[in-house]
C-alpha atoms as a PDB file:
ATOM      1  CA  MET A   1     -95.902  51.796-120.092  1.00  0.00           C
ATOM      2  CA  THR A   2     -98.886  49.914-118.701  1.00  0.00           C
ATOM      3  CA  GLY A   3     -99.977  46.339-119.086  1.00  0.00           C
ATOM      4  CA  THR A   4    -103.054  47.448-121.063  1.00  0.00           C
ATOM      5  CA  GLU A   5    -101.125  48.830-124.026  1.00  0.00           C
ATOM      6  CA  PRO A   6    -102.205  47.130-127.288  1.00  0.00           C
ATOM      7  CA  TRP A   7     -98.706  46.008-128.204  1.00  0.00           C
ATOM      8  CA  ARG A   8     -98.631  43.933-125.025  1.00  0.00           C
ATOM      9  CA  THR A   9    -102.122  42.436-125.243  1.00  0.00           C
ATOM     10  CA  LEU A  10    -103.141  41.956-128.888  1.00  0.00           C
ATOM     11  CA  TRP A  11    -101.518  38.543-129.150  1.00  0.00           C
ATOM     12  CA  GLU A  12    -103.175  37.413-125.908  1.00  0.00           C
ATOM     13  CA  GLU A  13    -106.608  38.598-127.033  1.00  0.00           C
ATOM     14  CA  TYR A  14    -106.477  36.959-130.476  1.00  0.00           C
ATOM     15  CA  GLU A  15    -109.315  34.532-131.201  1.00  0.00           C
ATOM     16  CA  GLU A  16    -108.730  32.029-133.975  1.00  0.00           C
ATOM     17  CA  PRO A  17    -111.551  30.854-136.273  1.00  0.00           C
ATOM     18  CA  GLY A  18    -114.022  28.482-134.645  1.00  0.00           C
ATOM     19  CA  ASN A  19    -113.047  25.578-136.898  1.00  0.00           C
ATOM     20  CA  ARG A  20    -109.335  25.842-136.079  1.00  0.00           C
ATOM     21  CA  ARG A  21    -107.166  24.943-133.080  1.00  0.00           C
ATOM     22  CA  ALA A  22    -103.846  26.072-134.496  1.00  0.00           C
ATOM     23  CA  VAL A  23    -102.848  28.181-131.491  1.00  0.00           C
ATOM     24  CA  ALA A  24    -103.815  25.560-128.927  1.00  0.00           C
ATOM     25  CA  ASP A  25    -102.100  22.771-130.876  1.00  0.00           C
ATOM     26  CA  ALA A  26     -98.901  24.763-131.432  1.00  0.00           C
ATOM     27  CA  CYS A  27     -98.670  25.802-127.771  1.00  0.00           C
ATOM     28  CA  ALA A  28     -99.721  22.506-126.191  1.00  0.00           C
ATOM     29  CA  GLY A  29     -96.193  21.166-125.765  1.00  0.00           C
ATOM     30  CA  ILE A  30     -94.902  24.459-124.381  1.00  0.00           C
ATOM     31  CA  ARG A  31     -97.743  24.716-121.878  1.00  0.00           C
ATOM     32  CA  SER A  32     -97.098  21.161-120.685  1.00  0.00           C
ATOM     33  CA  ILE A  33     -93.698  22.411-119.493  1.00  0.00           C
ATOM     34  CA  THR A  34     -94.542  25.914-118.269  1.00  0.00           C
ATOM     35  CA  GLU A  35     -97.400  24.749-116.041  1.00  0.00           C
ATOM     36  CA  TYR A  36     -94.809  23.444-113.598  1.00  0.00           C
ATOM     37  CA  ASP A  37     -93.028  25.828-111.227  1.00  0.00           C
ATOM     38  CA  SER A  38     -89.627  24.099-111.170  1.00  0.00           C
ATOM     39  CA  PRO A  39     -88.507  23.039-114.652  1.00  0.00           C
ATOM     40  CA  GLU A  40     -85.395  20.951-115.032  1.00  0.00           C
ATOM     41  CA  PRO A  41     -82.485  21.990-117.283  1.00  0.00           C
ATOM     42  CA  THR A  42     -83.787  19.783-120.092  1.00  0.00           C
ATOM     43  CA  ASP A  43     -87.148  21.590-119.886  1.00  0.00           C
ATOM     44  CA  THR A  44     -85.463  24.992-119.928  1.00  0.00           C
ATOM     45  CA  ILE A  45     -83.428  24.092-123.000  1.00  0.00           C
ATOM     46  CA  ALA A  46     -86.514  22.606-124.681  1.00  0.00           C
ATOM     47  CA  LEU A  47     -88.346  25.916-124.219  1.00  0.00           C
ATOM     48  CA  ALA A  48     -85.437  27.846-125.732  1.00  0.00           C
ATOM     49  CA  ILE A  49     -85.270  25.519-128.736  1.00  0.00           C
ATOM     50  CA  ALA A  50     -89.054  25.573-129.219  1.00  0.00           C
ATOM     51  CA  GLY A  51     -88.943  29.375-129.252  1.00  0.00           C
ATOM     52  CA  ALA A  52     -86.150  29.365-131.831  1.00  0.00           C
ATOM     53  CA  GLU A  53     -87.980  26.869-134.048  1.00  0.00           C
ATOM     54  CA  ALA A  54     -91.204  28.864-133.786  1.00  0.00           C
ATOM     55  CA  THR A  55     -89.456  32.080-134.825  1.00  0.00           C
ATOM     56  CA  GLU A  56     -87.685  30.411-137.742  1.00  0.00           C
ATOM     57  CA  GLY A  57     -90.972  28.805-138.764  1.00  0.00           C
ATOM     58  CA  LEU A  58     -92.645  32.218-138.667  1.00  0.00           C
ATOM     59  CA  ARG A  59     -89.852  33.622-140.808  1.00  0.00           C
ATOM     60  CA  ASP A  60     -90.563  30.961-143.450  1.00  0.00           C
ATOM     61  CA  ALA A  61     -94.346  31.345-143.156  1.00  0.00           C
ATOM     62  CA  LEU A  62     -94.158  35.073-143.818  1.00  0.00           C
ATOM     63  CA  GLU A  63     -92.537  34.348-147.186  1.00  0.00           C
ATOM     64  CA  SER A  64     -96.022  33.441-148.443  1.00  0.00           C
ATOM     65  CA  ASP A  65     -98.120  36.238-149.927  1.00  0.00           C
ATOM     66  CA  TRP A  66    -101.113  34.755-148.103  1.00  0.00           C
ATOM     67  CA  ALA A  67     -99.481  34.327-144.679  1.00  0.00           C
ATOM     68  CA  LEU A  68    -101.752  37.102-143.363  1.00  0.00           C
ATOM     69  CA  TYR A  69    -104.937  38.619-144.756  1.00  0.00           C
ATOM     70  CA  THR A  70    -105.346  41.901-142.872  1.00  0.00           C
ATOM     71  CA  PRO A  71    -103.256  44.667-141.257  1.00  0.00           C
ATOM     72  CA  GLN A  72    -104.892  43.754-137.955  1.00  0.00           C
ATOM     73  CA  GLN A  73    -103.523  40.214-138.228  1.00  0.00           C
ATOM     74  CA  ALA A  74    -100.109  41.743-138.927  1.00  0.00           C
ATOM     75  CA  ALA A  75    -100.546  43.810-135.759  1.00  0.00           C
ATOM     76  CA  VAL A  76    -101.209  40.622-133.769  1.00  0.00           C
ATOM     77  CA  VAL A  77     -97.997  39.074-135.119  1.00  0.00           C
ATOM     78  CA  ALA A  78     -96.015  42.229-134.338  1.00  0.00           C
ATOM     79  CA  SER A  79     -97.505  42.295-130.839  1.00  0.00           C
ATOM     80  CA  ALA A  80     -96.405  38.696-130.267  1.00  0.00           C
ATOM     81  CA  LEU A  81     -92.915  39.416-131.605  1.00  0.00           C
ATOM     82  CA  PHE A  82     -92.462  42.405-129.319  1.00  0.00           C
ATOM     83  CA  ALA A  83     -93.749  40.304-126.424  1.00  0.00           C
ATOM     84  CA  GLN A  84     -90.942  37.880-127.232  1.00  0.00           C
ATOM     85  CA  LEU A  85     -88.445  40.735-127.171  1.00  0.00           C
ATOM     86  CA  ASN A  86     -89.883  41.915-123.874  1.00  0.00           C
ATOM     87  CA  ALA A  87     -89.404  38.463-122.378  1.00  0.00           C
ATOM     88  CA  THR A  88     -85.992  38.089-124.014  1.00  0.00           C
ATOM     89  CA  THR A  89     -84.698  41.116-122.103  1.00  0.00           C
ATOM     90  CA  VAL A  90     -85.568  39.393-118.840  1.00  0.00           C
ATOM     91  CA  VAL A  91     -84.166  36.094-120.132  1.00  0.00           C
ATOM     92  CA  PHE A  92     -80.698  37.552-120.708  1.00  0.00           C
ATOM     93  CA  GLU A  93     -80.768  39.091-117.257  1.00  0.00           C
ATOM     94  CA  SER A  94     -81.832  35.727-115.825  1.00  0.00           C
ATOM     95  CA  LEU A  95     -78.911  34.044-117.593  1.00  0.00           C
ATOM     96  CA  ARG A  96     -76.560  36.464-115.849  1.00  0.00           C
ATOM     97  CA  ARG A  97     -78.163  35.658-112.512  1.00  0.00           C
ATOM     98  CA  LEU A  98     -77.909  31.887-113.036  1.00  0.00           C
ATOM     99  CA  ILE A  99     -74.235  32.097-113.943  1.00  0.00           C
ATOM    100  CA  GLN A 100     -73.622  34.291-110.904  1.00  0.00           C
ATOM    101  CA  HIS A 101     -75.272  31.649-108.723  1.00  0.00           C
ATOM    102  CA  ALA A 102     -73.102  28.969-110.285  1.00  0.00           C
ATOM    103  CA  GLU A 103     -70.071  31.134-109.620  1.00  0.00           C
ATOM    104  CA  ALA A 104     -71.118  31.563-105.986  1.00  0.00           C
ATOM    105  CA  ARG A 105     -71.195  27.750-105.731  1.00  0.00           C
ATOM    106  CA  ARG A 106     -67.680  27.769-107.268  1.00  0.00           C
ATOM    107  CA  GLU A 107     -68.912  25.731-110.227  1.00  0.00           C
ATOM    108  CA  THR A 108     -67.702  28.274-112.787  1.00  0.00           C
ATOM    109  CA  ALA A 109     -65.842  31.558-113.096  1.00  0.00           C
ATOM    110  CA  PHE A 110     -68.034  34.309-114.549  1.00  0.00           C
ATOM    111  CA  THR A 111     -65.718  36.379-116.748  1.00  0.00           C
ATOM    112  CA  THR A 112     -66.110  40.130-117.083  1.00  0.00           C
ATOM    113  CA  GLU A 113     -66.393  39.714-120.861  1.00  0.00           C
ATOM    114  CA  ALA A 114     -69.342  37.309-120.601  1.00  0.00           C
ATOM    115  CA  ASP A 115     -71.093  39.531-118.070  1.00  0.00           C
ATOM    116  CA  ASP A 116     -70.597  42.647-120.204  1.00  0.00           C
ATOM    117  CA  ARG A 117     -71.862  40.947-123.363  1.00  0.00           C
ATOM    118  CA  LEU A 118     -75.055  39.725-121.680  1.00  0.00           C
ATOM    119  CA  THR A 119     -75.639  43.197-120.246  1.00  0.00           C
ATOM    120  CA  HIS A 120     -75.118  44.879-123.606  1.00  0.00           C
ATOM    121  CA  VAL A 121     -77.378  42.517-125.537  1.00  0.00           C
ATOM    122  CA  ALA A 122     -80.156  42.944-122.972  1.00  0.00           C
ATOM    123  CA  ALA A 123     -79.869  46.716-123.401  1.00  0.00           C
ATOM    124  CA  ALA A 124     -79.990  46.375-127.209  1.00  0.00           C
ATOM    125  CA  VAL A 125     -83.154  44.249-127.048  1.00  0.00           C
ATOM    126  CA  THR A 126     -84.732  46.741-124.647  1.00  0.00           C
ATOM    127  CA  PHE A 127     -83.985  49.561-127.114  1.00  0.00           C
ATOM    128  CA  THR A 128     -85.636  47.662-129.984  1.00  0.00           C
ATOM    129  CA  ARG A 129     -88.665  46.824-127.846  1.00  0.00           C
ATOM    130  CA  GLY A 130     -89.200  50.548-127.377  1.00  0.00           C
ATOM    131  CA  PHE A 131     -90.533  50.766-130.949  1.00  0.00           C
ATOM    132  CA  ALA A 132     -93.377  48.370-130.098  1.00  0.00           C
ATOM    133  CA  PRO A 133     -96.197  50.870-129.422  1.00  0.00           C
ATOM    134  CA  GLY A 134     -95.593  52.760-132.672  1.00  0.00           C
ATOM    135  CA  VAL A 135     -95.268  49.681-134.877  1.00  0.00           C
ATOM    136  CA  VAL A 136     -98.244  47.776-133.485  1.00  0.00           C
ATOM    137  CA  GLY A 137    -100.407  50.891-133.282  1.00  0.00           C
ATOM    138  CA  ALA A 138     -99.667  51.879-136.897  1.00  0.00           C
ATOM    139  CA  LEU A 139    -100.469  48.401-138.222  1.00  0.00           C
ATOM    140  CA  ASN A 140    -103.658  48.132-136.204  1.00  0.00           C
ATOM    141  CA  ALA A 141    -104.832  51.515-137.496  1.00  0.00           C
ATOM    142  CA  CYS A 142    -104.496  50.529-141.168  1.00  0.00           C
ATOM    143  CA  PRO A 143    -107.862  50.184-142.957  1.00  0.00           C
ATOM    144  CA  ASP A 144    -109.002  46.629-143.685  1.00  0.00           C
ATOM    145  CA  LEU A 145    -110.433  46.677-147.210  1.00  0.00           C
ATOM    146  CA  ALA A 146    -110.359  42.922-147.843  1.00  0.00           C
ATOM    147  CA  ARG A 147    -114.106  42.289-147.233  1.00  0.00           C
ATOM    148  CA  LEU A 148    -113.483  38.703-146.225  1.00  0.00           C
ATOM    149  CA  PRO A 149    -116.298  36.119-146.003  1.00  0.00           C
ATOM    150  CA  THR A 150    -117.997  35.832-142.633  1.00  0.00           C
ATOM    151  CA  ASP A 151    -119.096  32.202-143.011  1.00  0.00           C
ATOM    152  CA  ALA A 152    -118.562  29.134-145.194  1.00  0.00           C
ATOM    153  CA  HIS A 153    -121.489  29.985-147.459  1.00  0.00           C
ATOM    154  CA  GLU A 154    -120.011  33.363-148.344  1.00  0.00           C
ATOM    155  CA  THR A 155    -116.673  31.685-149.006  1.00  0.00           C
ATOM    156  CA  LEU A 156    -118.286  29.246-151.440  1.00  0.00           C
ATOM    157  CA  ALA A 157    -120.148  31.999-153.239  1.00  0.00           C
ATOM    158  CA  ALA A 158    -117.029  34.166-153.593  1.00  0.00           C
ATOM    159  CA  VAL A 159    -114.840  31.320-154.858  1.00  0.00           C
ATOM    160  CA  ALA A 160    -117.531  30.207-157.300  1.00  0.00           C
ATOM    161  CA  ALA A 161    -117.724  33.729-158.700  1.00  0.00           C
ATOM    162  CA  LEU A 162    -113.953  33.787-159.179  1.00  0.00           C
ATOM    163  CA  LEU A 163    -113.940  30.388-160.904  1.00  0.00           C
ATOM    164  CA  GLY A 164    -116.690  31.379-163.284  1.00  0.00           C
ATOM    165  CA  PRO A 165    -118.475  28.901-165.602  1.00  0.00           C
ATOM    166  CA  ALA A 166    -115.966  26.136-164.814  1.00  0.00           C
ATOM    167  CA  ALA A 167    -117.424  25.781-161.318  1.00  0.00           C
ATOM    168  CA  LYS A 168    -120.523  23.723-160.565  1.00  0.00           C
ATOM    169  CA  VAL A 169    -122.188  24.861-157.354  1.00  0.00           C
ATOM    170  CA  THR A 170    -124.519  22.671-155.302  1.00  0.00           C
ATOM    171  CA  GLU A 171    -126.040  24.565-152.382  1.00  0.00           C
ATOM    172  CA  ASN A 172    -128.024  21.701-150.768  1.00  0.00           C
ATOM    173  CA  HIS A 173    -130.195  24.286-149.028  1.00  0.00           C
ATOM    174  CA  GLY A 174    -132.727  26.946-149.848  1.00  0.00           C
ATOM    175  CA  PRO A 175    -132.047  30.694-150.069  1.00  0.00           C
ATOM    176  CA  ASP A 176    -130.846  32.079-146.736  1.00  0.00           C
ATOM    177  CA  GLU A 177    -131.337  28.650-145.108  1.00  0.00           C
ATOM    178  CA  HIS A 178    -127.706  27.687-144.812  1.00  0.00           C
ATOM    179  CA  SER A 179    -126.167  26.919-141.444  1.00  0.00           C
ATOM    180  CA  GLU A 180    -122.834  25.507-140.352  1.00  0.00           C
ATOM    181  CA  ASP A 181    -121.196  23.827-137.403  1.00  0.00           C
ATOM    182  CA  ASP A 182    -117.799  22.370-136.520  1.00  0.00           C
ATOM    183  CA  SER A 183    -118.370  19.061-138.336  1.00  0.00           C
ATOM    184  CA  GLY A 184    -116.199  20.119-141.277  1.00  0.00           C
ATOM    185  CA  PHE A 185    -119.030  20.237-143.812  1.00  0.00           C
ATOM    186  CA  GLY A 186    -119.300  24.016-143.912  1.00  0.00           C
ATOM    187  CA  CYS A 187    -122.748  25.258-144.907  1.00  0.00           C
ATOM    188  CA  GLY A 188    -123.740  22.010-146.609  1.00  0.00           C
ATOM    189  CA  GLY A 189    -123.021  23.347-150.066  1.00  0.00           C
ATOM    190  CA  GLU A 190    -120.099  22.559-152.327  1.00  0.00           C
ATOM    191  CA  ILE A 191    -118.265  23.618-155.441  1.00  0.00           C
ATOM    192  CA  ARG A 192    -117.187  20.972-157.885  1.00  0.00           C
ATOM    193  CA  PHE A 193    -114.525  22.060-160.308  1.00  0.00           C
ATOM    194  CA  GLU A 194    -114.000  19.563-163.123  1.00  0.00           C
ATOM    195  CA  HIS A 195    -110.600  19.191-164.742  1.00  0.00           C
ATOM    196  CA  ARG A 196    -109.692  16.939-167.663  1.00  0.00           C
ATOM    197  CA  GLY A 197    -112.693  14.747-166.932  1.00  0.00           C
ATOM    198  CA  ASP A 198    -110.958  12.508-164.392  1.00  0.00           C
ATOM    199  CA  SER A 199    -110.631  14.573-161.213  1.00  0.00           C
ATOM    200  CA  SER A 200    -112.524  17.154-159.211  1.00  0.00           C
ATOM    201  CA  TRP A 201    -112.006  19.715-156.468  1.00  0.00           C
ATOM    202  CA  ASP A 202    -114.543  19.843-153.650  1.00  0.00           C
ATOM    203  CA  LEU A 203    -114.439  22.922-151.458  1.00  0.00           C
ATOM    204  CA  VAL A 204    -115.591  22.913-147.810  1.00  0.00           C
ATOM    205  CA  ARG A 205    -117.912  19.878-147.992  1.00  0.00           C
ATOM    206  CA  GLU A 206    -116.555  16.357-148.554  1.00  0.00           C
ATOM    207  CA  ARG A 207    -118.282  14.271-151.205  1.00  0.00           C
ATOM    208  CA  ASP A 208    -119.728  10.900-150.263  1.00  0.00           C
ATOM    209  CA  GLY A 209    -118.832   9.270-153.560  1.00  0.00           C
ATOM    210  CA  GLU A 210    -121.085   7.558-156.070  1.00  0.00           C
ATOM    211  CA  MET A 211    -122.876   4.312-155.149  1.00  0.00           C
ATOM    212  CA  LEU A 212    -122.349   1.630-157.787  1.00  0.00           C
ATOM    213  CA  GLU A 213    -124.700  -1.223-158.718  1.00  0.00           C
ATOM    214  CA  ASP A 214    -122.683  -3.795-156.742  1.00  0.00           C
ATOM    215  CA  GLY A 215    -123.069  -1.740-153.568  1.00  0.00           C
ATOM    216  CA  SER A 216    -119.522  -0.367-153.567  1.00  0.00           C
ATOM    217  CA  THR A 217    -118.669   3.321-153.626  1.00  0.00           C
ATOM    218  CA  SER A 218    -116.649   5.022-156.326  1.00  0.00           C
ATOM    219  CA  TYR A 219    -114.664   8.091-155.289  1.00  0.00           C
ATOM    220  CA  THR A 220    -113.239  10.641-157.675  1.00  0.00           C
ATOM    221  CA  GLU A 221    -109.611  11.616-157.395  1.00  0.00           C
ATOM    222  CA  ARG A 222    -109.271  14.069-154.498  1.00  0.00           C
ATOM    223  CA  ASN A 223    -107.133  17.182-154.583  1.00  0.00           C
ATOM    224  CA  GLU A 224    -107.128  18.714-151.122  1.00  0.00           C
ATOM    225  CA  LEU A 225    -106.302  22.360-150.501  1.00  0.00           C
ATOM    226  CA  GLU A 226    -104.086  23.479-147.636  1.00  0.00           C
ATOM    227  CA  VAL A 227    -106.484  26.090-146.242  1.00  0.00           C
ATOM    228  CA  THR A 228    -108.831  24.731-143.575  1.00  0.00           C
ATOM    229  CA  ASP A 229    -110.372  28.005-142.384  1.00  0.00           C
ATOM    230  CA  SER A 230    -113.962  28.067-143.651  1.00  0.00           C
ATOM    231  CA  THR A 231    -113.666  31.843-144.112  1.00  0.00           C
ATOM    232  CA  ALA A 232    -110.340  31.809-145.951  1.00  0.00           C
ATOM    233  CA  HIS A 233    -109.614  34.582-148.426  1.00  0.00           C
ATOM    234  CA  PRO A 234    -111.304  33.580-151.730  1.00  0.00           C
ATOM    235  CA  LEU A 235    -108.289  34.730-153.749  1.00  0.00           C
ATOM    236  CA  HIS A 236    -106.064  32.565-151.544  1.00  0.00           C
ATOM    237  CA  LEU A 237    -108.216  29.546-152.382  1.00  0.00           C
ATOM    238  CA  LEU A 238    -108.173  30.479-156.068  1.00  0.00           C
ATOM    239  CA  THR A 239    -104.365  30.625-155.982  1.00  0.00           C
ATOM    240  CA  LEU A 240    -104.231  27.123-154.483  1.00  0.00           C
ATOM    241  CA  ILE A 241    -106.692  25.769-157.033  1.00  0.00           C
ATOM    242  CA  ARG A 242    -104.608  27.144-159.895  1.00  0.00           C
ATOM    243  CA  ALA A 243    -101.485  25.621-158.339  1.00  0.00           C
ATOM    244  CA  LYS A 244    -103.240  22.220-158.204  1.00  0.00           C
ATOM    245  CA  LEU A 245    -104.277  22.592-161.834  1.00  0.00           C
ATOM    246  CA  ASP A 246    -100.672  23.284-162.800  1.00  0.00           C
ATOM    247  CA  GLU A 247     -99.545  20.170-160.878  1.00  0.00           C
ATOM    248  CA  THR A 248    -101.967  17.905-162.719  1.00  0.00           C
ATOM    249  CA  SER A 249    -101.765  19.433-166.194  1.00  0.00           C
END
């Protein structure tokens, strides 16, 4: 195997949407430890616990039908998981080495049973890791038929079409004149979805509220959606909107 095989590199090459920093935020604490060459025991344990929490969090995240949108995203996740297995093999071997060093200092007695178990588990992980090229390659080769939006404007248009007559669309720009940046206002347009006359859902662009005669501002009840990617799957957004409607019915 070479270091250029997709199963090894897909997770490293992943680029998250421009309006998100999920990867950087999630890894910030880990990188603050790994940037040093000589971690202390508390740092080493913290890294192990962070890895365990991340994997358990991923397990829970994948319970959602909308955890991933495309087979290629699934391939990125599989690539990252196999990278963990690849590192885990070395980790178990490193544990053996550390205990051997402690034994050489006469600070412990490394039993044959403990040594054998670490050796066997490292071999088992290595065996599982061997399936990496086939799994990642097969996922990455699957056709992507989702036809996801490429910008916030397309997201608005797709969600509006799914909502039908209940949605009131305000584009705030002329045909083909939309643009977007990282300010959080998408393309400048919005969808207002009225419900029971006393609340509204505003997608992508925040509303400024209504100016009253006394100079104060009146804001409608806000129901925020969990998706912050401006090119989220329209059906994902529709699912969240329906869930909000059920909550407030």
